Amino acid sequence: MIENRLHFGRDTAFREDAFKIRTGHSPENTATLRSFAINQLRDADHTNIAAGLRTTALRSYERPLALLGLN
Protein backbone atom coordinates (compact mmCIF):
# COMPACT_ATOMS: atom_id res chain seq x y z
CA MET A 1 0.00 0.00 0.00
CA ILE A 2 2.77 2.46 0.89
CA GLU A 3 4.66 1.69 -2.31
CA ASN A 4 1.53 2.29 -4.39
CA ARG A 5 0.82 5.55 -2.57
CA LEU A 6 4.35 6.81 -3.17
CA HIS A 7 4.38 5.78 -6.83
CA PHE A 8 0.97 7.37 -7.38
CA GLY A 9 2.19 10.60 -5.80
CA ARG A 10 5.37 10.64 -7.89
CA ASP A 11 3.47 9.86 -11.07
CA THR A 12 0.67 12.38 -10.61
CA ALA A 13 2.63 15.27 -9.07
CA PHE A 14 5.85 14.89 -11.07
CA ARG A 15 4.59 13.01 -14.18
CA GLU A 16 7.24 10.39 -13.58
CA ASP A 17 5.98 8.00 -16.25
CA ALA A 18 6.56 10.71 -18.90
CA PHE A 19 10.19 11.17 -17.82
CA LYS A 20 12.40 10.69 -20.89
CA ILE A 21 15.83 10.01 -19.40
CA ARG A 22 16.29 6.26 -19.00
CA THR A 23 20.06 5.72 -18.98
CA GLY A 24 22.59 5.33 -16.21
CA HIS A 25 21.56 6.21 -12.70
CA SER A 26 19.36 9.17 -13.68
CA PRO A 27 16.00 7.41 -13.24
CA GLU A 28 16.91 6.13 -9.76
CA ASN A 29 18.36 9.46 -8.69
CA THR A 30 15.36 11.49 -9.80
CA ALA A 31 12.96 8.98 -8.21
CA THR A 32 14.87 9.34 -4.94
CA LEU A 33 14.69 13.15 -5.09
CA ARG A 34 10.98 13.06 -5.91
CA SER A 35 10.31 10.65 -3.04
CA PHE A 36 12.30 12.90 -0.71
CA ALA A 37 10.24 15.92 -1.79
CA ILE A 38 6.96 14.07 -1.27
CA ASN A 39 8.03 12.82 2.16
CA GLN A 40 9.10 16.31 3.21
CA LEU A 41 5.73 17.71 2.14
CA ARG A 42 3.91 14.97 4.05
CA ASP A 43 6.03 15.66 7.14
CA ALA A 44 4.94 19.30 6.85
CA ASP A 45 1.29 18.11 7.01
CA HIS A 46 0.46 18.57 3.33
CA THR A 47 -2.14 15.95 2.47
CA ASN A 48 -2.39 17.05 -1.17
CA ILE A 49 1.07 16.81 -2.75
CA ALA A 50 0.17 18.90 -5.82
CA ALA A 51 -1.18 21.69 -3.60
CA GLY A 52 1.92 21.43 -1.40
CA LEU A 53 4.16 21.81 -4.45
CA ARG A 54 2.21 24.87 -5.57
CA THR A 55 2.46 26.41 -2.09
CA THR A 56 6.19 25.74 -2.00
CA ALA A 57 6.63 27.23 -5.48
CA LEU A 58 4.94 30.52 -4.53
CA ARG A 59 8.07 31.75 -2.77
CA SER A 60 10.66 29.50 -4.30
CA TYR A 61 13.53 31.38 -2.65
CA GLU A 62 12.43 30.72 0.94
CA ARG A 63 9.82 27.96 1.26
CA PRO A 64 11.99 24.89 0.52
CA LEU A 65 14.51 26.03 3.13
CA ALA A 66 11.74 26.57 5.67
CA LEU A 67 10.29 23.16 4.86
CA LEU A 68 13.65 21.57 5.63
CA GLY A 69 14.18 23.77 8.71
CA LEU A 70 17.27 25.46 7.25
CA ASN A 71 16.34 29.14 7.44
PDB file of N, CA and C in Angstrom:
ATOM      1  N   MET A   1       0.824  -1.190   0.000  1.00  0.00           N
ATOM      2  CA  MET A   1       0.000   0.000   0.000  1.00  0.00           C
ATOM      3  C   MET A   1       0.872   1.260   0.000  1.00  0.00           C
ATOM      4  N   ILE A   2       1.907   1.283   0.826  1.00  0.00           N
ATOM      5  CA  ILE A   2       2.772   2.459   0.891  1.00  0.00           C
ATOM      6  C   ILE A   2       3.485   2.660  -0.438  1.00  0.00           C
ATOM      7  N   GLU A   3       3.964   1.574  -1.029  1.00  0.00           N
ATOM      8  CA  GLU A   3       4.663   1.694  -2.311  1.00  0.00           C
ATOM      9  C   GLU A   3       3.730   2.246  -3.383  1.00  0.00           C
ATOM     10  N   ASN A   4       2.490   1.788  -3.412  1.00  0.00           N
ATOM     11  CA  ASN A   4       1.528   2.287  -4.391  1.00  0.00           C
ATOM     12  C   ASN A   4       1.225   3.761  -4.161  1.00  0.00           C
ATOM     13  N   ARG A   5       1.106   4.149  -2.900  1.00  0.00           N
ATOM     14  CA  ARG A   5       0.816   5.546  -2.568  1.00  0.00           C
ATOM     15  C   ARG A   5       1.969   6.450  -3.011  1.00  0.00           C
ATOM     16  N   LEU A   6       3.192   6.017  -2.782  1.00  0.00           N
ATOM     17  CA  LEU A   6       4.348   6.811  -3.167  1.00  0.00           C
ATOM     18  C   LEU A   6       4.470   6.886  -4.683  1.00  0.00           C
ATOM     19  N   HIS A   7       4.295   5.766  -5.369  1.00  0.00           N
ATOM     20  CA  HIS A   7       4.379   5.782  -6.829  1.00  0.00           C
ATOM     21  C   HIS A   7       3.281   6.656  -7.420  1.00  0.00           C
ATOM     22  N   PHE A   8       2.075   6.549  -6.885  1.00  0.00           N
ATOM     23  CA  PHE A   8       0.968   7.368  -7.383  1.00  0.00           C
ATOM     24  C   PHE A   8       1.281   8.848  -7.191  1.00  0.00           C
ATOM     25  N   GLY A   9       1.826   9.206  -6.053  1.00  0.00           N
ATOM     26  CA  GLY A   9       2.193  10.605  -5.798  1.00  0.00           C
ATOM     27  C   GLY A   9       3.278  11.087  -6.745  1.00  0.00           C
ATOM     28  N   ARG A  10       4.288  10.252  -6.961  1.00  0.00           N
ATOM     29  CA  ARG A  10       5.367  10.644  -7.891  1.00  0.00           C
ATOM     30  C   ARG A  10       4.839  10.760  -9.308  1.00  0.00           C
ATOM     31  N   ASP A  11       3.971   9.842  -9.696  1.00  0.00           N
ATOM     32  CA  ASP A  11       3.471   9.857 -11.066  1.00  0.00           C
ATOM     33  C   ASP A  11       2.526  11.025 -11.309  1.00  0.00           C
ATOM     34  N   THR A  12       1.636  11.317 -10.385  1.00  0.00           N
ATOM     35  CA  THR A  12       0.671  12.384 -10.612  1.00  0.00           C
ATOM     36  C   THR A  12       1.273  13.766 -10.390  1.00  0.00           C
ATOM     37  N   ALA A  13       2.076  13.945  -9.373  1.00  0.00           N
ATOM     38  CA  ALA A  13       2.631  15.270  -9.073  1.00  0.00           C
ATOM     39  C   ALA A  13       3.810  15.616  -9.976  1.00  0.00           C
ATOM     40  N   PHE A  14       4.631  14.628 -10.305  1.00  0.00           N
ATOM     41  CA  PHE A  14       5.851  14.889 -11.069  1.00  0.00           C
ATOM     42  C   PHE A  14       5.825  14.296 -12.475  1.00  0.00           C
ATOM     43  N   ARG A  15       4.714  13.641 -12.852  1.00  0.00           N
ATOM     44  CA  ARG A  15       4.595  13.011 -14.179  1.00  0.00           C
ATOM     45  C   ARG A  15       5.792  12.096 -14.456  1.00  0.00           C
ATOM     46  N   GLU A  16       6.056  11.245 -13.509  1.00  0.00           N
ATOM     47  CA  GLU A  16       7.237  10.386 -13.576  1.00  0.00           C
ATOM     48  C   GLU A  16       7.212   9.435 -14.774  1.00  0.00           C
ATOM     49  N   ASP A  17       6.050   8.944 -15.128  1.00  0.00           N
ATOM     50  CA  ASP A  17       5.982   8.002 -16.250  1.00  0.00           C
ATOM     51  C   ASP A  17       6.323   8.665 -17.582  1.00  0.00           C
ATOM     52  N   ALA A  18       6.227   9.992 -17.666  1.00  0.00           N
ATOM     53  CA  ALA A  18       6.556  10.712 -18.900  1.00  0.00           C
ATOM     54  C   ALA A  18       8.024  11.136 -18.934  1.00  0.00           C
ATOM     55  N   PHE A  19       8.785  10.802 -17.903  1.00  0.00           N
ATOM     56  CA  PHE A  19      10.192  11.166 -17.817  1.00  0.00           C
ATOM     57  C   PHE A  19      10.974  10.474 -18.926  1.00  0.00           C
ATOM     58  N   LYS A  20      11.745  11.215 -19.687  1.00  0.00           N
ATOM     59  CA  LYS A  20      12.398  10.691 -20.890  1.00  0.00           C
ATOM     60  C   LYS A  20      13.790  10.104 -20.662  1.00  0.00           C
ATOM     61  N   ILE A  21      14.466  10.487 -19.622  1.00  0.00           N
ATOM     62  CA  ILE A  21      15.830  10.005 -19.404  1.00  0.00           C
ATOM     63  C   ILE A  21      15.774   8.610 -18.783  1.00  0.00           C
ATOM     64  N   ARG A  22      16.360   7.639 -19.462  1.00  0.00           N
ATOM     65  CA  ARG A  22      16.291   6.256 -19.003  1.00  0.00           C
ATOM     66  C   ARG A  22      17.651   5.575 -18.970  1.00  0.00           C
ATOM     67  N   THR A  23      18.732   6.334 -18.957  1.00  0.00           N
ATOM     68  CA  THR A  23      20.059   5.724 -18.979  1.00  0.00           C
ATOM     69  C   THR A  23      20.807   6.007 -17.689  1.00  0.00           C
ATOM     70  N   GLY A  24      21.747   5.141 -17.388  1.00  0.00           N
ATOM     71  CA  GLY A  24      22.593   5.328 -16.214  1.00  0.00           C
ATOM     72  C   GLY A  24      21.797   5.304 -14.926  1.00  0.00           C
ATOM     73  N   HIS A  25      22.203   6.144 -14.007  1.00  0.00           N
ATOM     74  CA  HIS A  25      21.556   6.209 -12.697  1.00  0.00           C
ATOM     75  C   HIS A  25      20.529   7.326 -12.609  1.00  0.00           C
ATOM     76  N   SER A  26      20.291   8.035 -13.697  1.00  0.00           N
ATOM     77  CA  SER A  26      19.361   9.172 -13.684  1.00  0.00           C
ATOM     78  C   SER A  26      17.955   8.807 -13.216  1.00  0.00           C
ATOM     79  N   PRO A  27      17.350   7.723 -13.700  1.00  0.00           N
ATOM     80  CA  PRO A  27      15.999   7.407 -13.236  1.00  0.00           C
ATOM     81  C   PRO A  27      15.936   7.146 -11.724  1.00  0.00           C
ATOM     82  N   GLU A  28      16.900   6.418 -11.190  1.00  0.00           N
ATOM     83  CA  GLU A  28      16.912   6.131  -9.756  1.00  0.00           C
ATOM     84  C   GLU A  28      17.148   7.394  -8.935  1.00  0.00           C
ATOM     85  N   ASN A  29      18.054   8.235  -9.423  1.00  0.00           N
ATOM     86  CA  ASN A  29      18.361   9.464  -8.686  1.00  0.00           C
ATOM     87  C   ASN A  29      17.174  10.409  -8.653  1.00  0.00           C
ATOM     88  N   THR A  30      16.510  10.586  -9.788  1.00  0.00           N
ATOM     89  CA  THR A  30      15.363  11.486  -9.795  1.00  0.00           C
ATOM     90  C   THR A  30      14.197  10.906  -8.996  1.00  0.00           C
ATOM     91  N   ALA A  31      14.016   9.602  -9.027  1.00  0.00           N
ATOM     92  CA  ALA A  31      12.964   8.984  -8.209  1.00  0.00           C
ATOM     93  C   ALA A  31      13.246   9.198  -6.722  1.00  0.00           C
ATOM     94  N   THR A  32      14.504   9.104  -6.334  1.00  0.00           N
ATOM     95  CA  THR A  32      14.875   9.342  -4.938  1.00  0.00           C
ATOM     96  C   THR A  32      14.588  10.783  -4.537  1.00  0.00           C
ATOM     97  N   LEU A  33      14.949  11.738  -5.390  1.00  0.00           N
ATOM     98  CA  LEU A  33      14.689  13.149  -5.094  1.00  0.00           C
ATOM     99  C   LEU A  33      13.194  13.448  -5.037  1.00  0.00           C
ATOM    100  N   ARG A  34      12.438  12.854  -5.928  1.00  0.00           N
ATOM    101  CA  ARG A  34      10.984  13.061  -5.908  1.00  0.00           C
ATOM    102  C   ARG A  34      10.365  12.460  -4.650  1.00  0.00           C
ATOM    103  N   SER A  35      10.813  11.279  -4.265  1.00  0.00           N
ATOM    104  CA  SER A  35      10.308  10.654  -3.042  1.00  0.00           C
ATOM    105  C   SER A  35      10.664  11.498  -1.820  1.00  0.00           C
ATOM    106  N   PHE A  36      11.879  12.035  -1.806  1.00  0.00           N
ATOM    107  CA  PHE A  36      12.299  12.905  -0.713  1.00  0.00           C
ATOM    108  C   PHE A  36      11.396  14.128  -0.630  1.00  0.00           C
ATOM    109  N   ALA A  37      11.099  14.744  -1.778  1.00  0.00           N
ATOM    110  CA  ALA A  37      10.242  15.924  -1.794  1.00  0.00           C
ATOM    111  C   ALA A  37       8.842  15.589  -1.286  1.00  0.00           C
ATOM    112  N   ILE A  38       8.292  14.471  -1.719  1.00  0.00           N
ATOM    113  CA  ILE A  38       6.956  14.067  -1.272  1.00  0.00           C
ATOM    114  C   ILE A  38       6.951  13.802   0.227  1.00  0.00           C
ATOM    115  N   ASN A  39       7.965  13.109   0.724  1.00  0.00           N
ATOM    116  CA  ASN A  39       8.027  12.820   2.158  1.00  0.00           C
ATOM    117  C   ASN A  39       8.195  14.083   2.994  1.00  0.00           C
ATOM    118  N   GLN A  40       8.959  15.047   2.500  1.00  0.00           N
ATOM    119  CA  GLN A  40       9.104  16.312   3.209  1.00  0.00           C
ATOM    120  C   GLN A  40       7.777  17.071   3.257  1.00  0.00           C
ATOM    121  N   LEU A  41       7.041  17.053   2.158  1.00  0.00           N
ATOM    122  CA  LEU A  41       5.731  17.705   2.136  1.00  0.00           C
ATOM    123  C   LEU A  41       4.762  17.015   3.088  1.00  0.00           C
ATOM    124  N   ARG A  42       4.792  15.696   3.122  1.00  0.00           N
ATOM    125  CA  ARG A  42       3.909  14.968   4.051  1.00  0.00           C
ATOM    126  C   ARG A  42       4.292  15.238   5.500  1.00  0.00           C
ATOM    127  N   ASP A  43       5.592  15.326   5.782  1.00  0.00           N
ATOM    128  CA  ASP A  43       6.030  15.656   7.141  1.00  0.00           C
ATOM    129  C   ASP A  43       5.588  17.048   7.561  1.00  0.00           C
ATOM    130  N   ALA A  44       5.400  17.936   6.583  1.00  0.00           N
ATOM    131  CA  ALA A  44       4.939  19.299   6.849  1.00  0.00           C
ATOM    132  C   ALA A  44       3.413  19.372   6.827  1.00  0.00           C
ATOM    133  N   ASP A  45       2.752  18.220   6.921  1.00  0.00           N
ATOM    134  CA  ASP A  45       1.288  18.112   7.006  1.00  0.00           C
ATOM    135  C   ASP A  45       0.541  18.514   5.745  1.00  0.00           C
ATOM    136  N   HIS A  46       1.172  18.378   4.598  1.00  0.00           N
ATOM    137  CA  HIS A  46       0.464  18.572   3.333  1.00  0.00           C
ATOM    138  C   HIS A  46      -0.162  17.237   2.957  1.00  0.00           C
ATOM    139  N   THR A  47      -1.474  17.197   2.864  1.00  0.00           N
ATOM    140  CA  THR A  47      -2.135  15.953   2.468  1.00  0.00           C
ATOM    141  C   THR A  47      -2.280  15.868   0.959  1.00  0.00           C
ATOM    142  N   ASN A  48      -2.312  17.007   0.284  1.00  0.00           N
ATOM    143  CA  ASN A  48      -2.391  17.050  -1.167  1.00  0.00           C
ATOM    144  C   ASN A  48      -1.016  17.471  -1.682  1.00  0.00           C
ATOM    145  N   ILE A  49      -0.309  16.556  -2.316  1.00  0.00           N
ATOM    146  CA  ILE A  49       1.071  16.811  -2.751  1.00  0.00           C
ATOM    147  C   ILE A  49       1.119  17.901  -3.818  1.00  0.00           C
ATOM    148  N   ALA A  50       0.190  17.877  -4.767  1.00  0.00           N
ATOM    149  CA  ALA A  50       0.175  18.901  -5.817  1.00  0.00           C
ATOM    150  C   ALA A  50      -0.033  20.283  -5.213  1.00  0.00           C
ATOM    151  N   ALA A  51      -0.950  20.397  -4.260  1.00  0.00           N
ATOM    152  CA  ALA A  51      -1.177  21.687  -3.598  1.00  0.00           C
ATOM    153  C   ALA A  51       0.044  22.096  -2.785  1.00  0.00           C
ATOM    154  N   GLY A  52       0.699  21.140  -2.148  1.00  0.00           N
ATOM    155  CA  GLY A  52       1.920  21.433  -1.402  1.00  0.00           C
ATOM    156  C   GLY A  52       3.034  21.929  -2.298  1.00  0.00           C
ATOM    157  N   LEU A  53       3.152  21.342  -3.490  1.00  0.00           N
ATOM    158  CA  LEU A  53       4.158  21.812  -4.450  1.00  0.00           C
ATOM    159  C   LEU A  53       3.850  23.229  -4.917  1.00  0.00           C
ATOM    160  N   ARG A  54       2.573  23.514  -5.153  1.00  0.00           N
ATOM    161  CA  ARG A  54       2.206  24.874  -5.566  1.00  0.00           C
ATOM    162  C   ARG A  54       2.495  25.875  -4.461  1.00  0.00           C
ATOM    163  N   THR A  55       2.181  25.524  -3.224  1.00  0.00           N
ATOM    164  CA  THR A  55       2.458  26.415  -2.094  1.00  0.00           C
ATOM    165  C   THR A  55       3.954  26.658  -1.958  1.00  0.00           C
ATOM    166  N   THR A  56       4.730  25.614  -2.099  1.00  0.00           N
ATOM    167  CA  THR A  56       6.189  25.738  -2.003  1.00  0.00           C
ATOM    168  C   THR A  56       6.738  26.577  -3.143  1.00  0.00           C
ATOM    169  N   ALA A  57       6.142  26.495  -4.317  1.00  0.00           N
ATOM    170  CA  ALA A  57       6.632  27.234  -5.476  1.00  0.00           C
ATOM    171  C   ALA A  57       6.289  28.715  -5.425  1.00  0.00           C
ATOM    172  N   LEU A  58       5.334  29.116  -4.586  1.00  0.00           N
ATOM    173  CA  LEU A  58       4.943  30.521  -4.535  1.00  0.00           C
ATOM    174  C   LEU A  58       6.110  31.429  -4.150  1.00  0.00           C
ATOM    175  N   ARG A  59       6.891  31.004  -3.193  1.00  0.00           N
ATOM    176  CA  ARG A  59       8.074  31.745  -2.767  1.00  0.00           C
ATOM    177  C   ARG A  59       9.260  30.796  -2.856  1.00  0.00           C
ATOM    178  N   SER A  60       9.655  30.538  -4.061  1.00  0.00           N
ATOM    179  CA  SER A  60      10.663  29.504  -4.299  1.00  0.00           C
ATOM    180  C   SER A  60      11.991  29.799  -3.624  1.00  0.00           C
ATOM    181  N   TYR A  61      12.256  31.026  -3.277  1.00  0.00           N
ATOM    182  CA  TYR A  61      13.527  31.378  -2.654  1.00  0.00           C
ATOM    183  C   TYR A  61      13.551  31.122  -1.156  1.00  0.00           C
ATOM    184  N   GLU A  62      12.395  30.922  -0.511  1.00  0.00           N
ATOM    185  CA  GLU A  62      12.427  30.715   0.938  1.00  0.00           C
ATOM    186  C   GLU A  62      11.667  29.494   1.429  1.00  0.00           C
ATOM    187  N   ARG A  63      10.641  29.060   0.755  1.00  0.00           N
ATOM    188  CA  ARG A  63       9.821  27.960   1.263  1.00  0.00           C
ATOM    189  C   ARG A  63      10.538  26.615   1.355  1.00  0.00           C
ATOM    190  N   PRO A  64      11.315  26.190   0.359  1.00  0.00           N
ATOM    191  CA  PRO A  64      11.993  24.890   0.520  1.00  0.00           C
ATOM    192  C   PRO A  64      12.942  24.870   1.712  1.00  0.00           C
ATOM    193  N   LEU A  65      13.623  25.981   1.973  1.00  0.00           N
ATOM    194  CA  LEU A  65      14.510  26.026   3.133  1.00  0.00           C
ATOM    195  C   LEU A  65      13.722  25.948   4.422  1.00  0.00           C
ATOM    196  N   ALA A  66      12.585  26.626   4.475  1.00  0.00           N
ATOM    197  CA  ALA A  66      11.742  26.573   5.671  1.00  0.00           C
ATOM    198  C   ALA A  66      11.187  25.172   5.872  1.00  0.00           C
ATOM    199  N   LEU A  67      10.812  24.521   4.789  1.00  0.00           N
ATOM    200  CA  LEU A  67      10.285  23.165   4.861  1.00  0.00           C
ATOM    201  C   LEU A  67      11.309  22.208   5.450  1.00  0.00           C
ATOM    202  N   LEU A  68      12.577  22.423   5.111  1.00  0.00           N
ATOM    203  CA  LEU A  68      13.649  21.574   5.634  1.00  0.00           C
ATOM    204  C   LEU A  68      14.195  22.065   6.973  1.00  0.00           C
ATOM    205  N   GLY A  69      13.696  23.227   7.449  1.00  0.00           N
ATOM    206  CA  GLY A  69      14.181  23.766   8.710  1.00  0.00           C
ATOM    207  C   GLY A  69      15.555  24.378   8.627  1.00  0.00           C
ATOM    208  N   LEU A  70      15.918  24.933   7.452  1.00  0.00           N
ATOM    209  CA  LEU A  70      17.269  25.464   7.250  1.00  0.00           C
ATOM    210  C   LEU A  70      17.339  26.985   7.212  1.00  0.00           C
ATOM    211  N   ASN A  71      16.232  27.665   7.485  1.00  0.00           N
ATOM    212  CA  ASN A  71      16.338  29.136   7.441  1.00  0.00           C
ATOM    213  C   ASN A  71      16.211  29.739   8.803  1.00  0.00           C
TER     214      ASN A  71
END
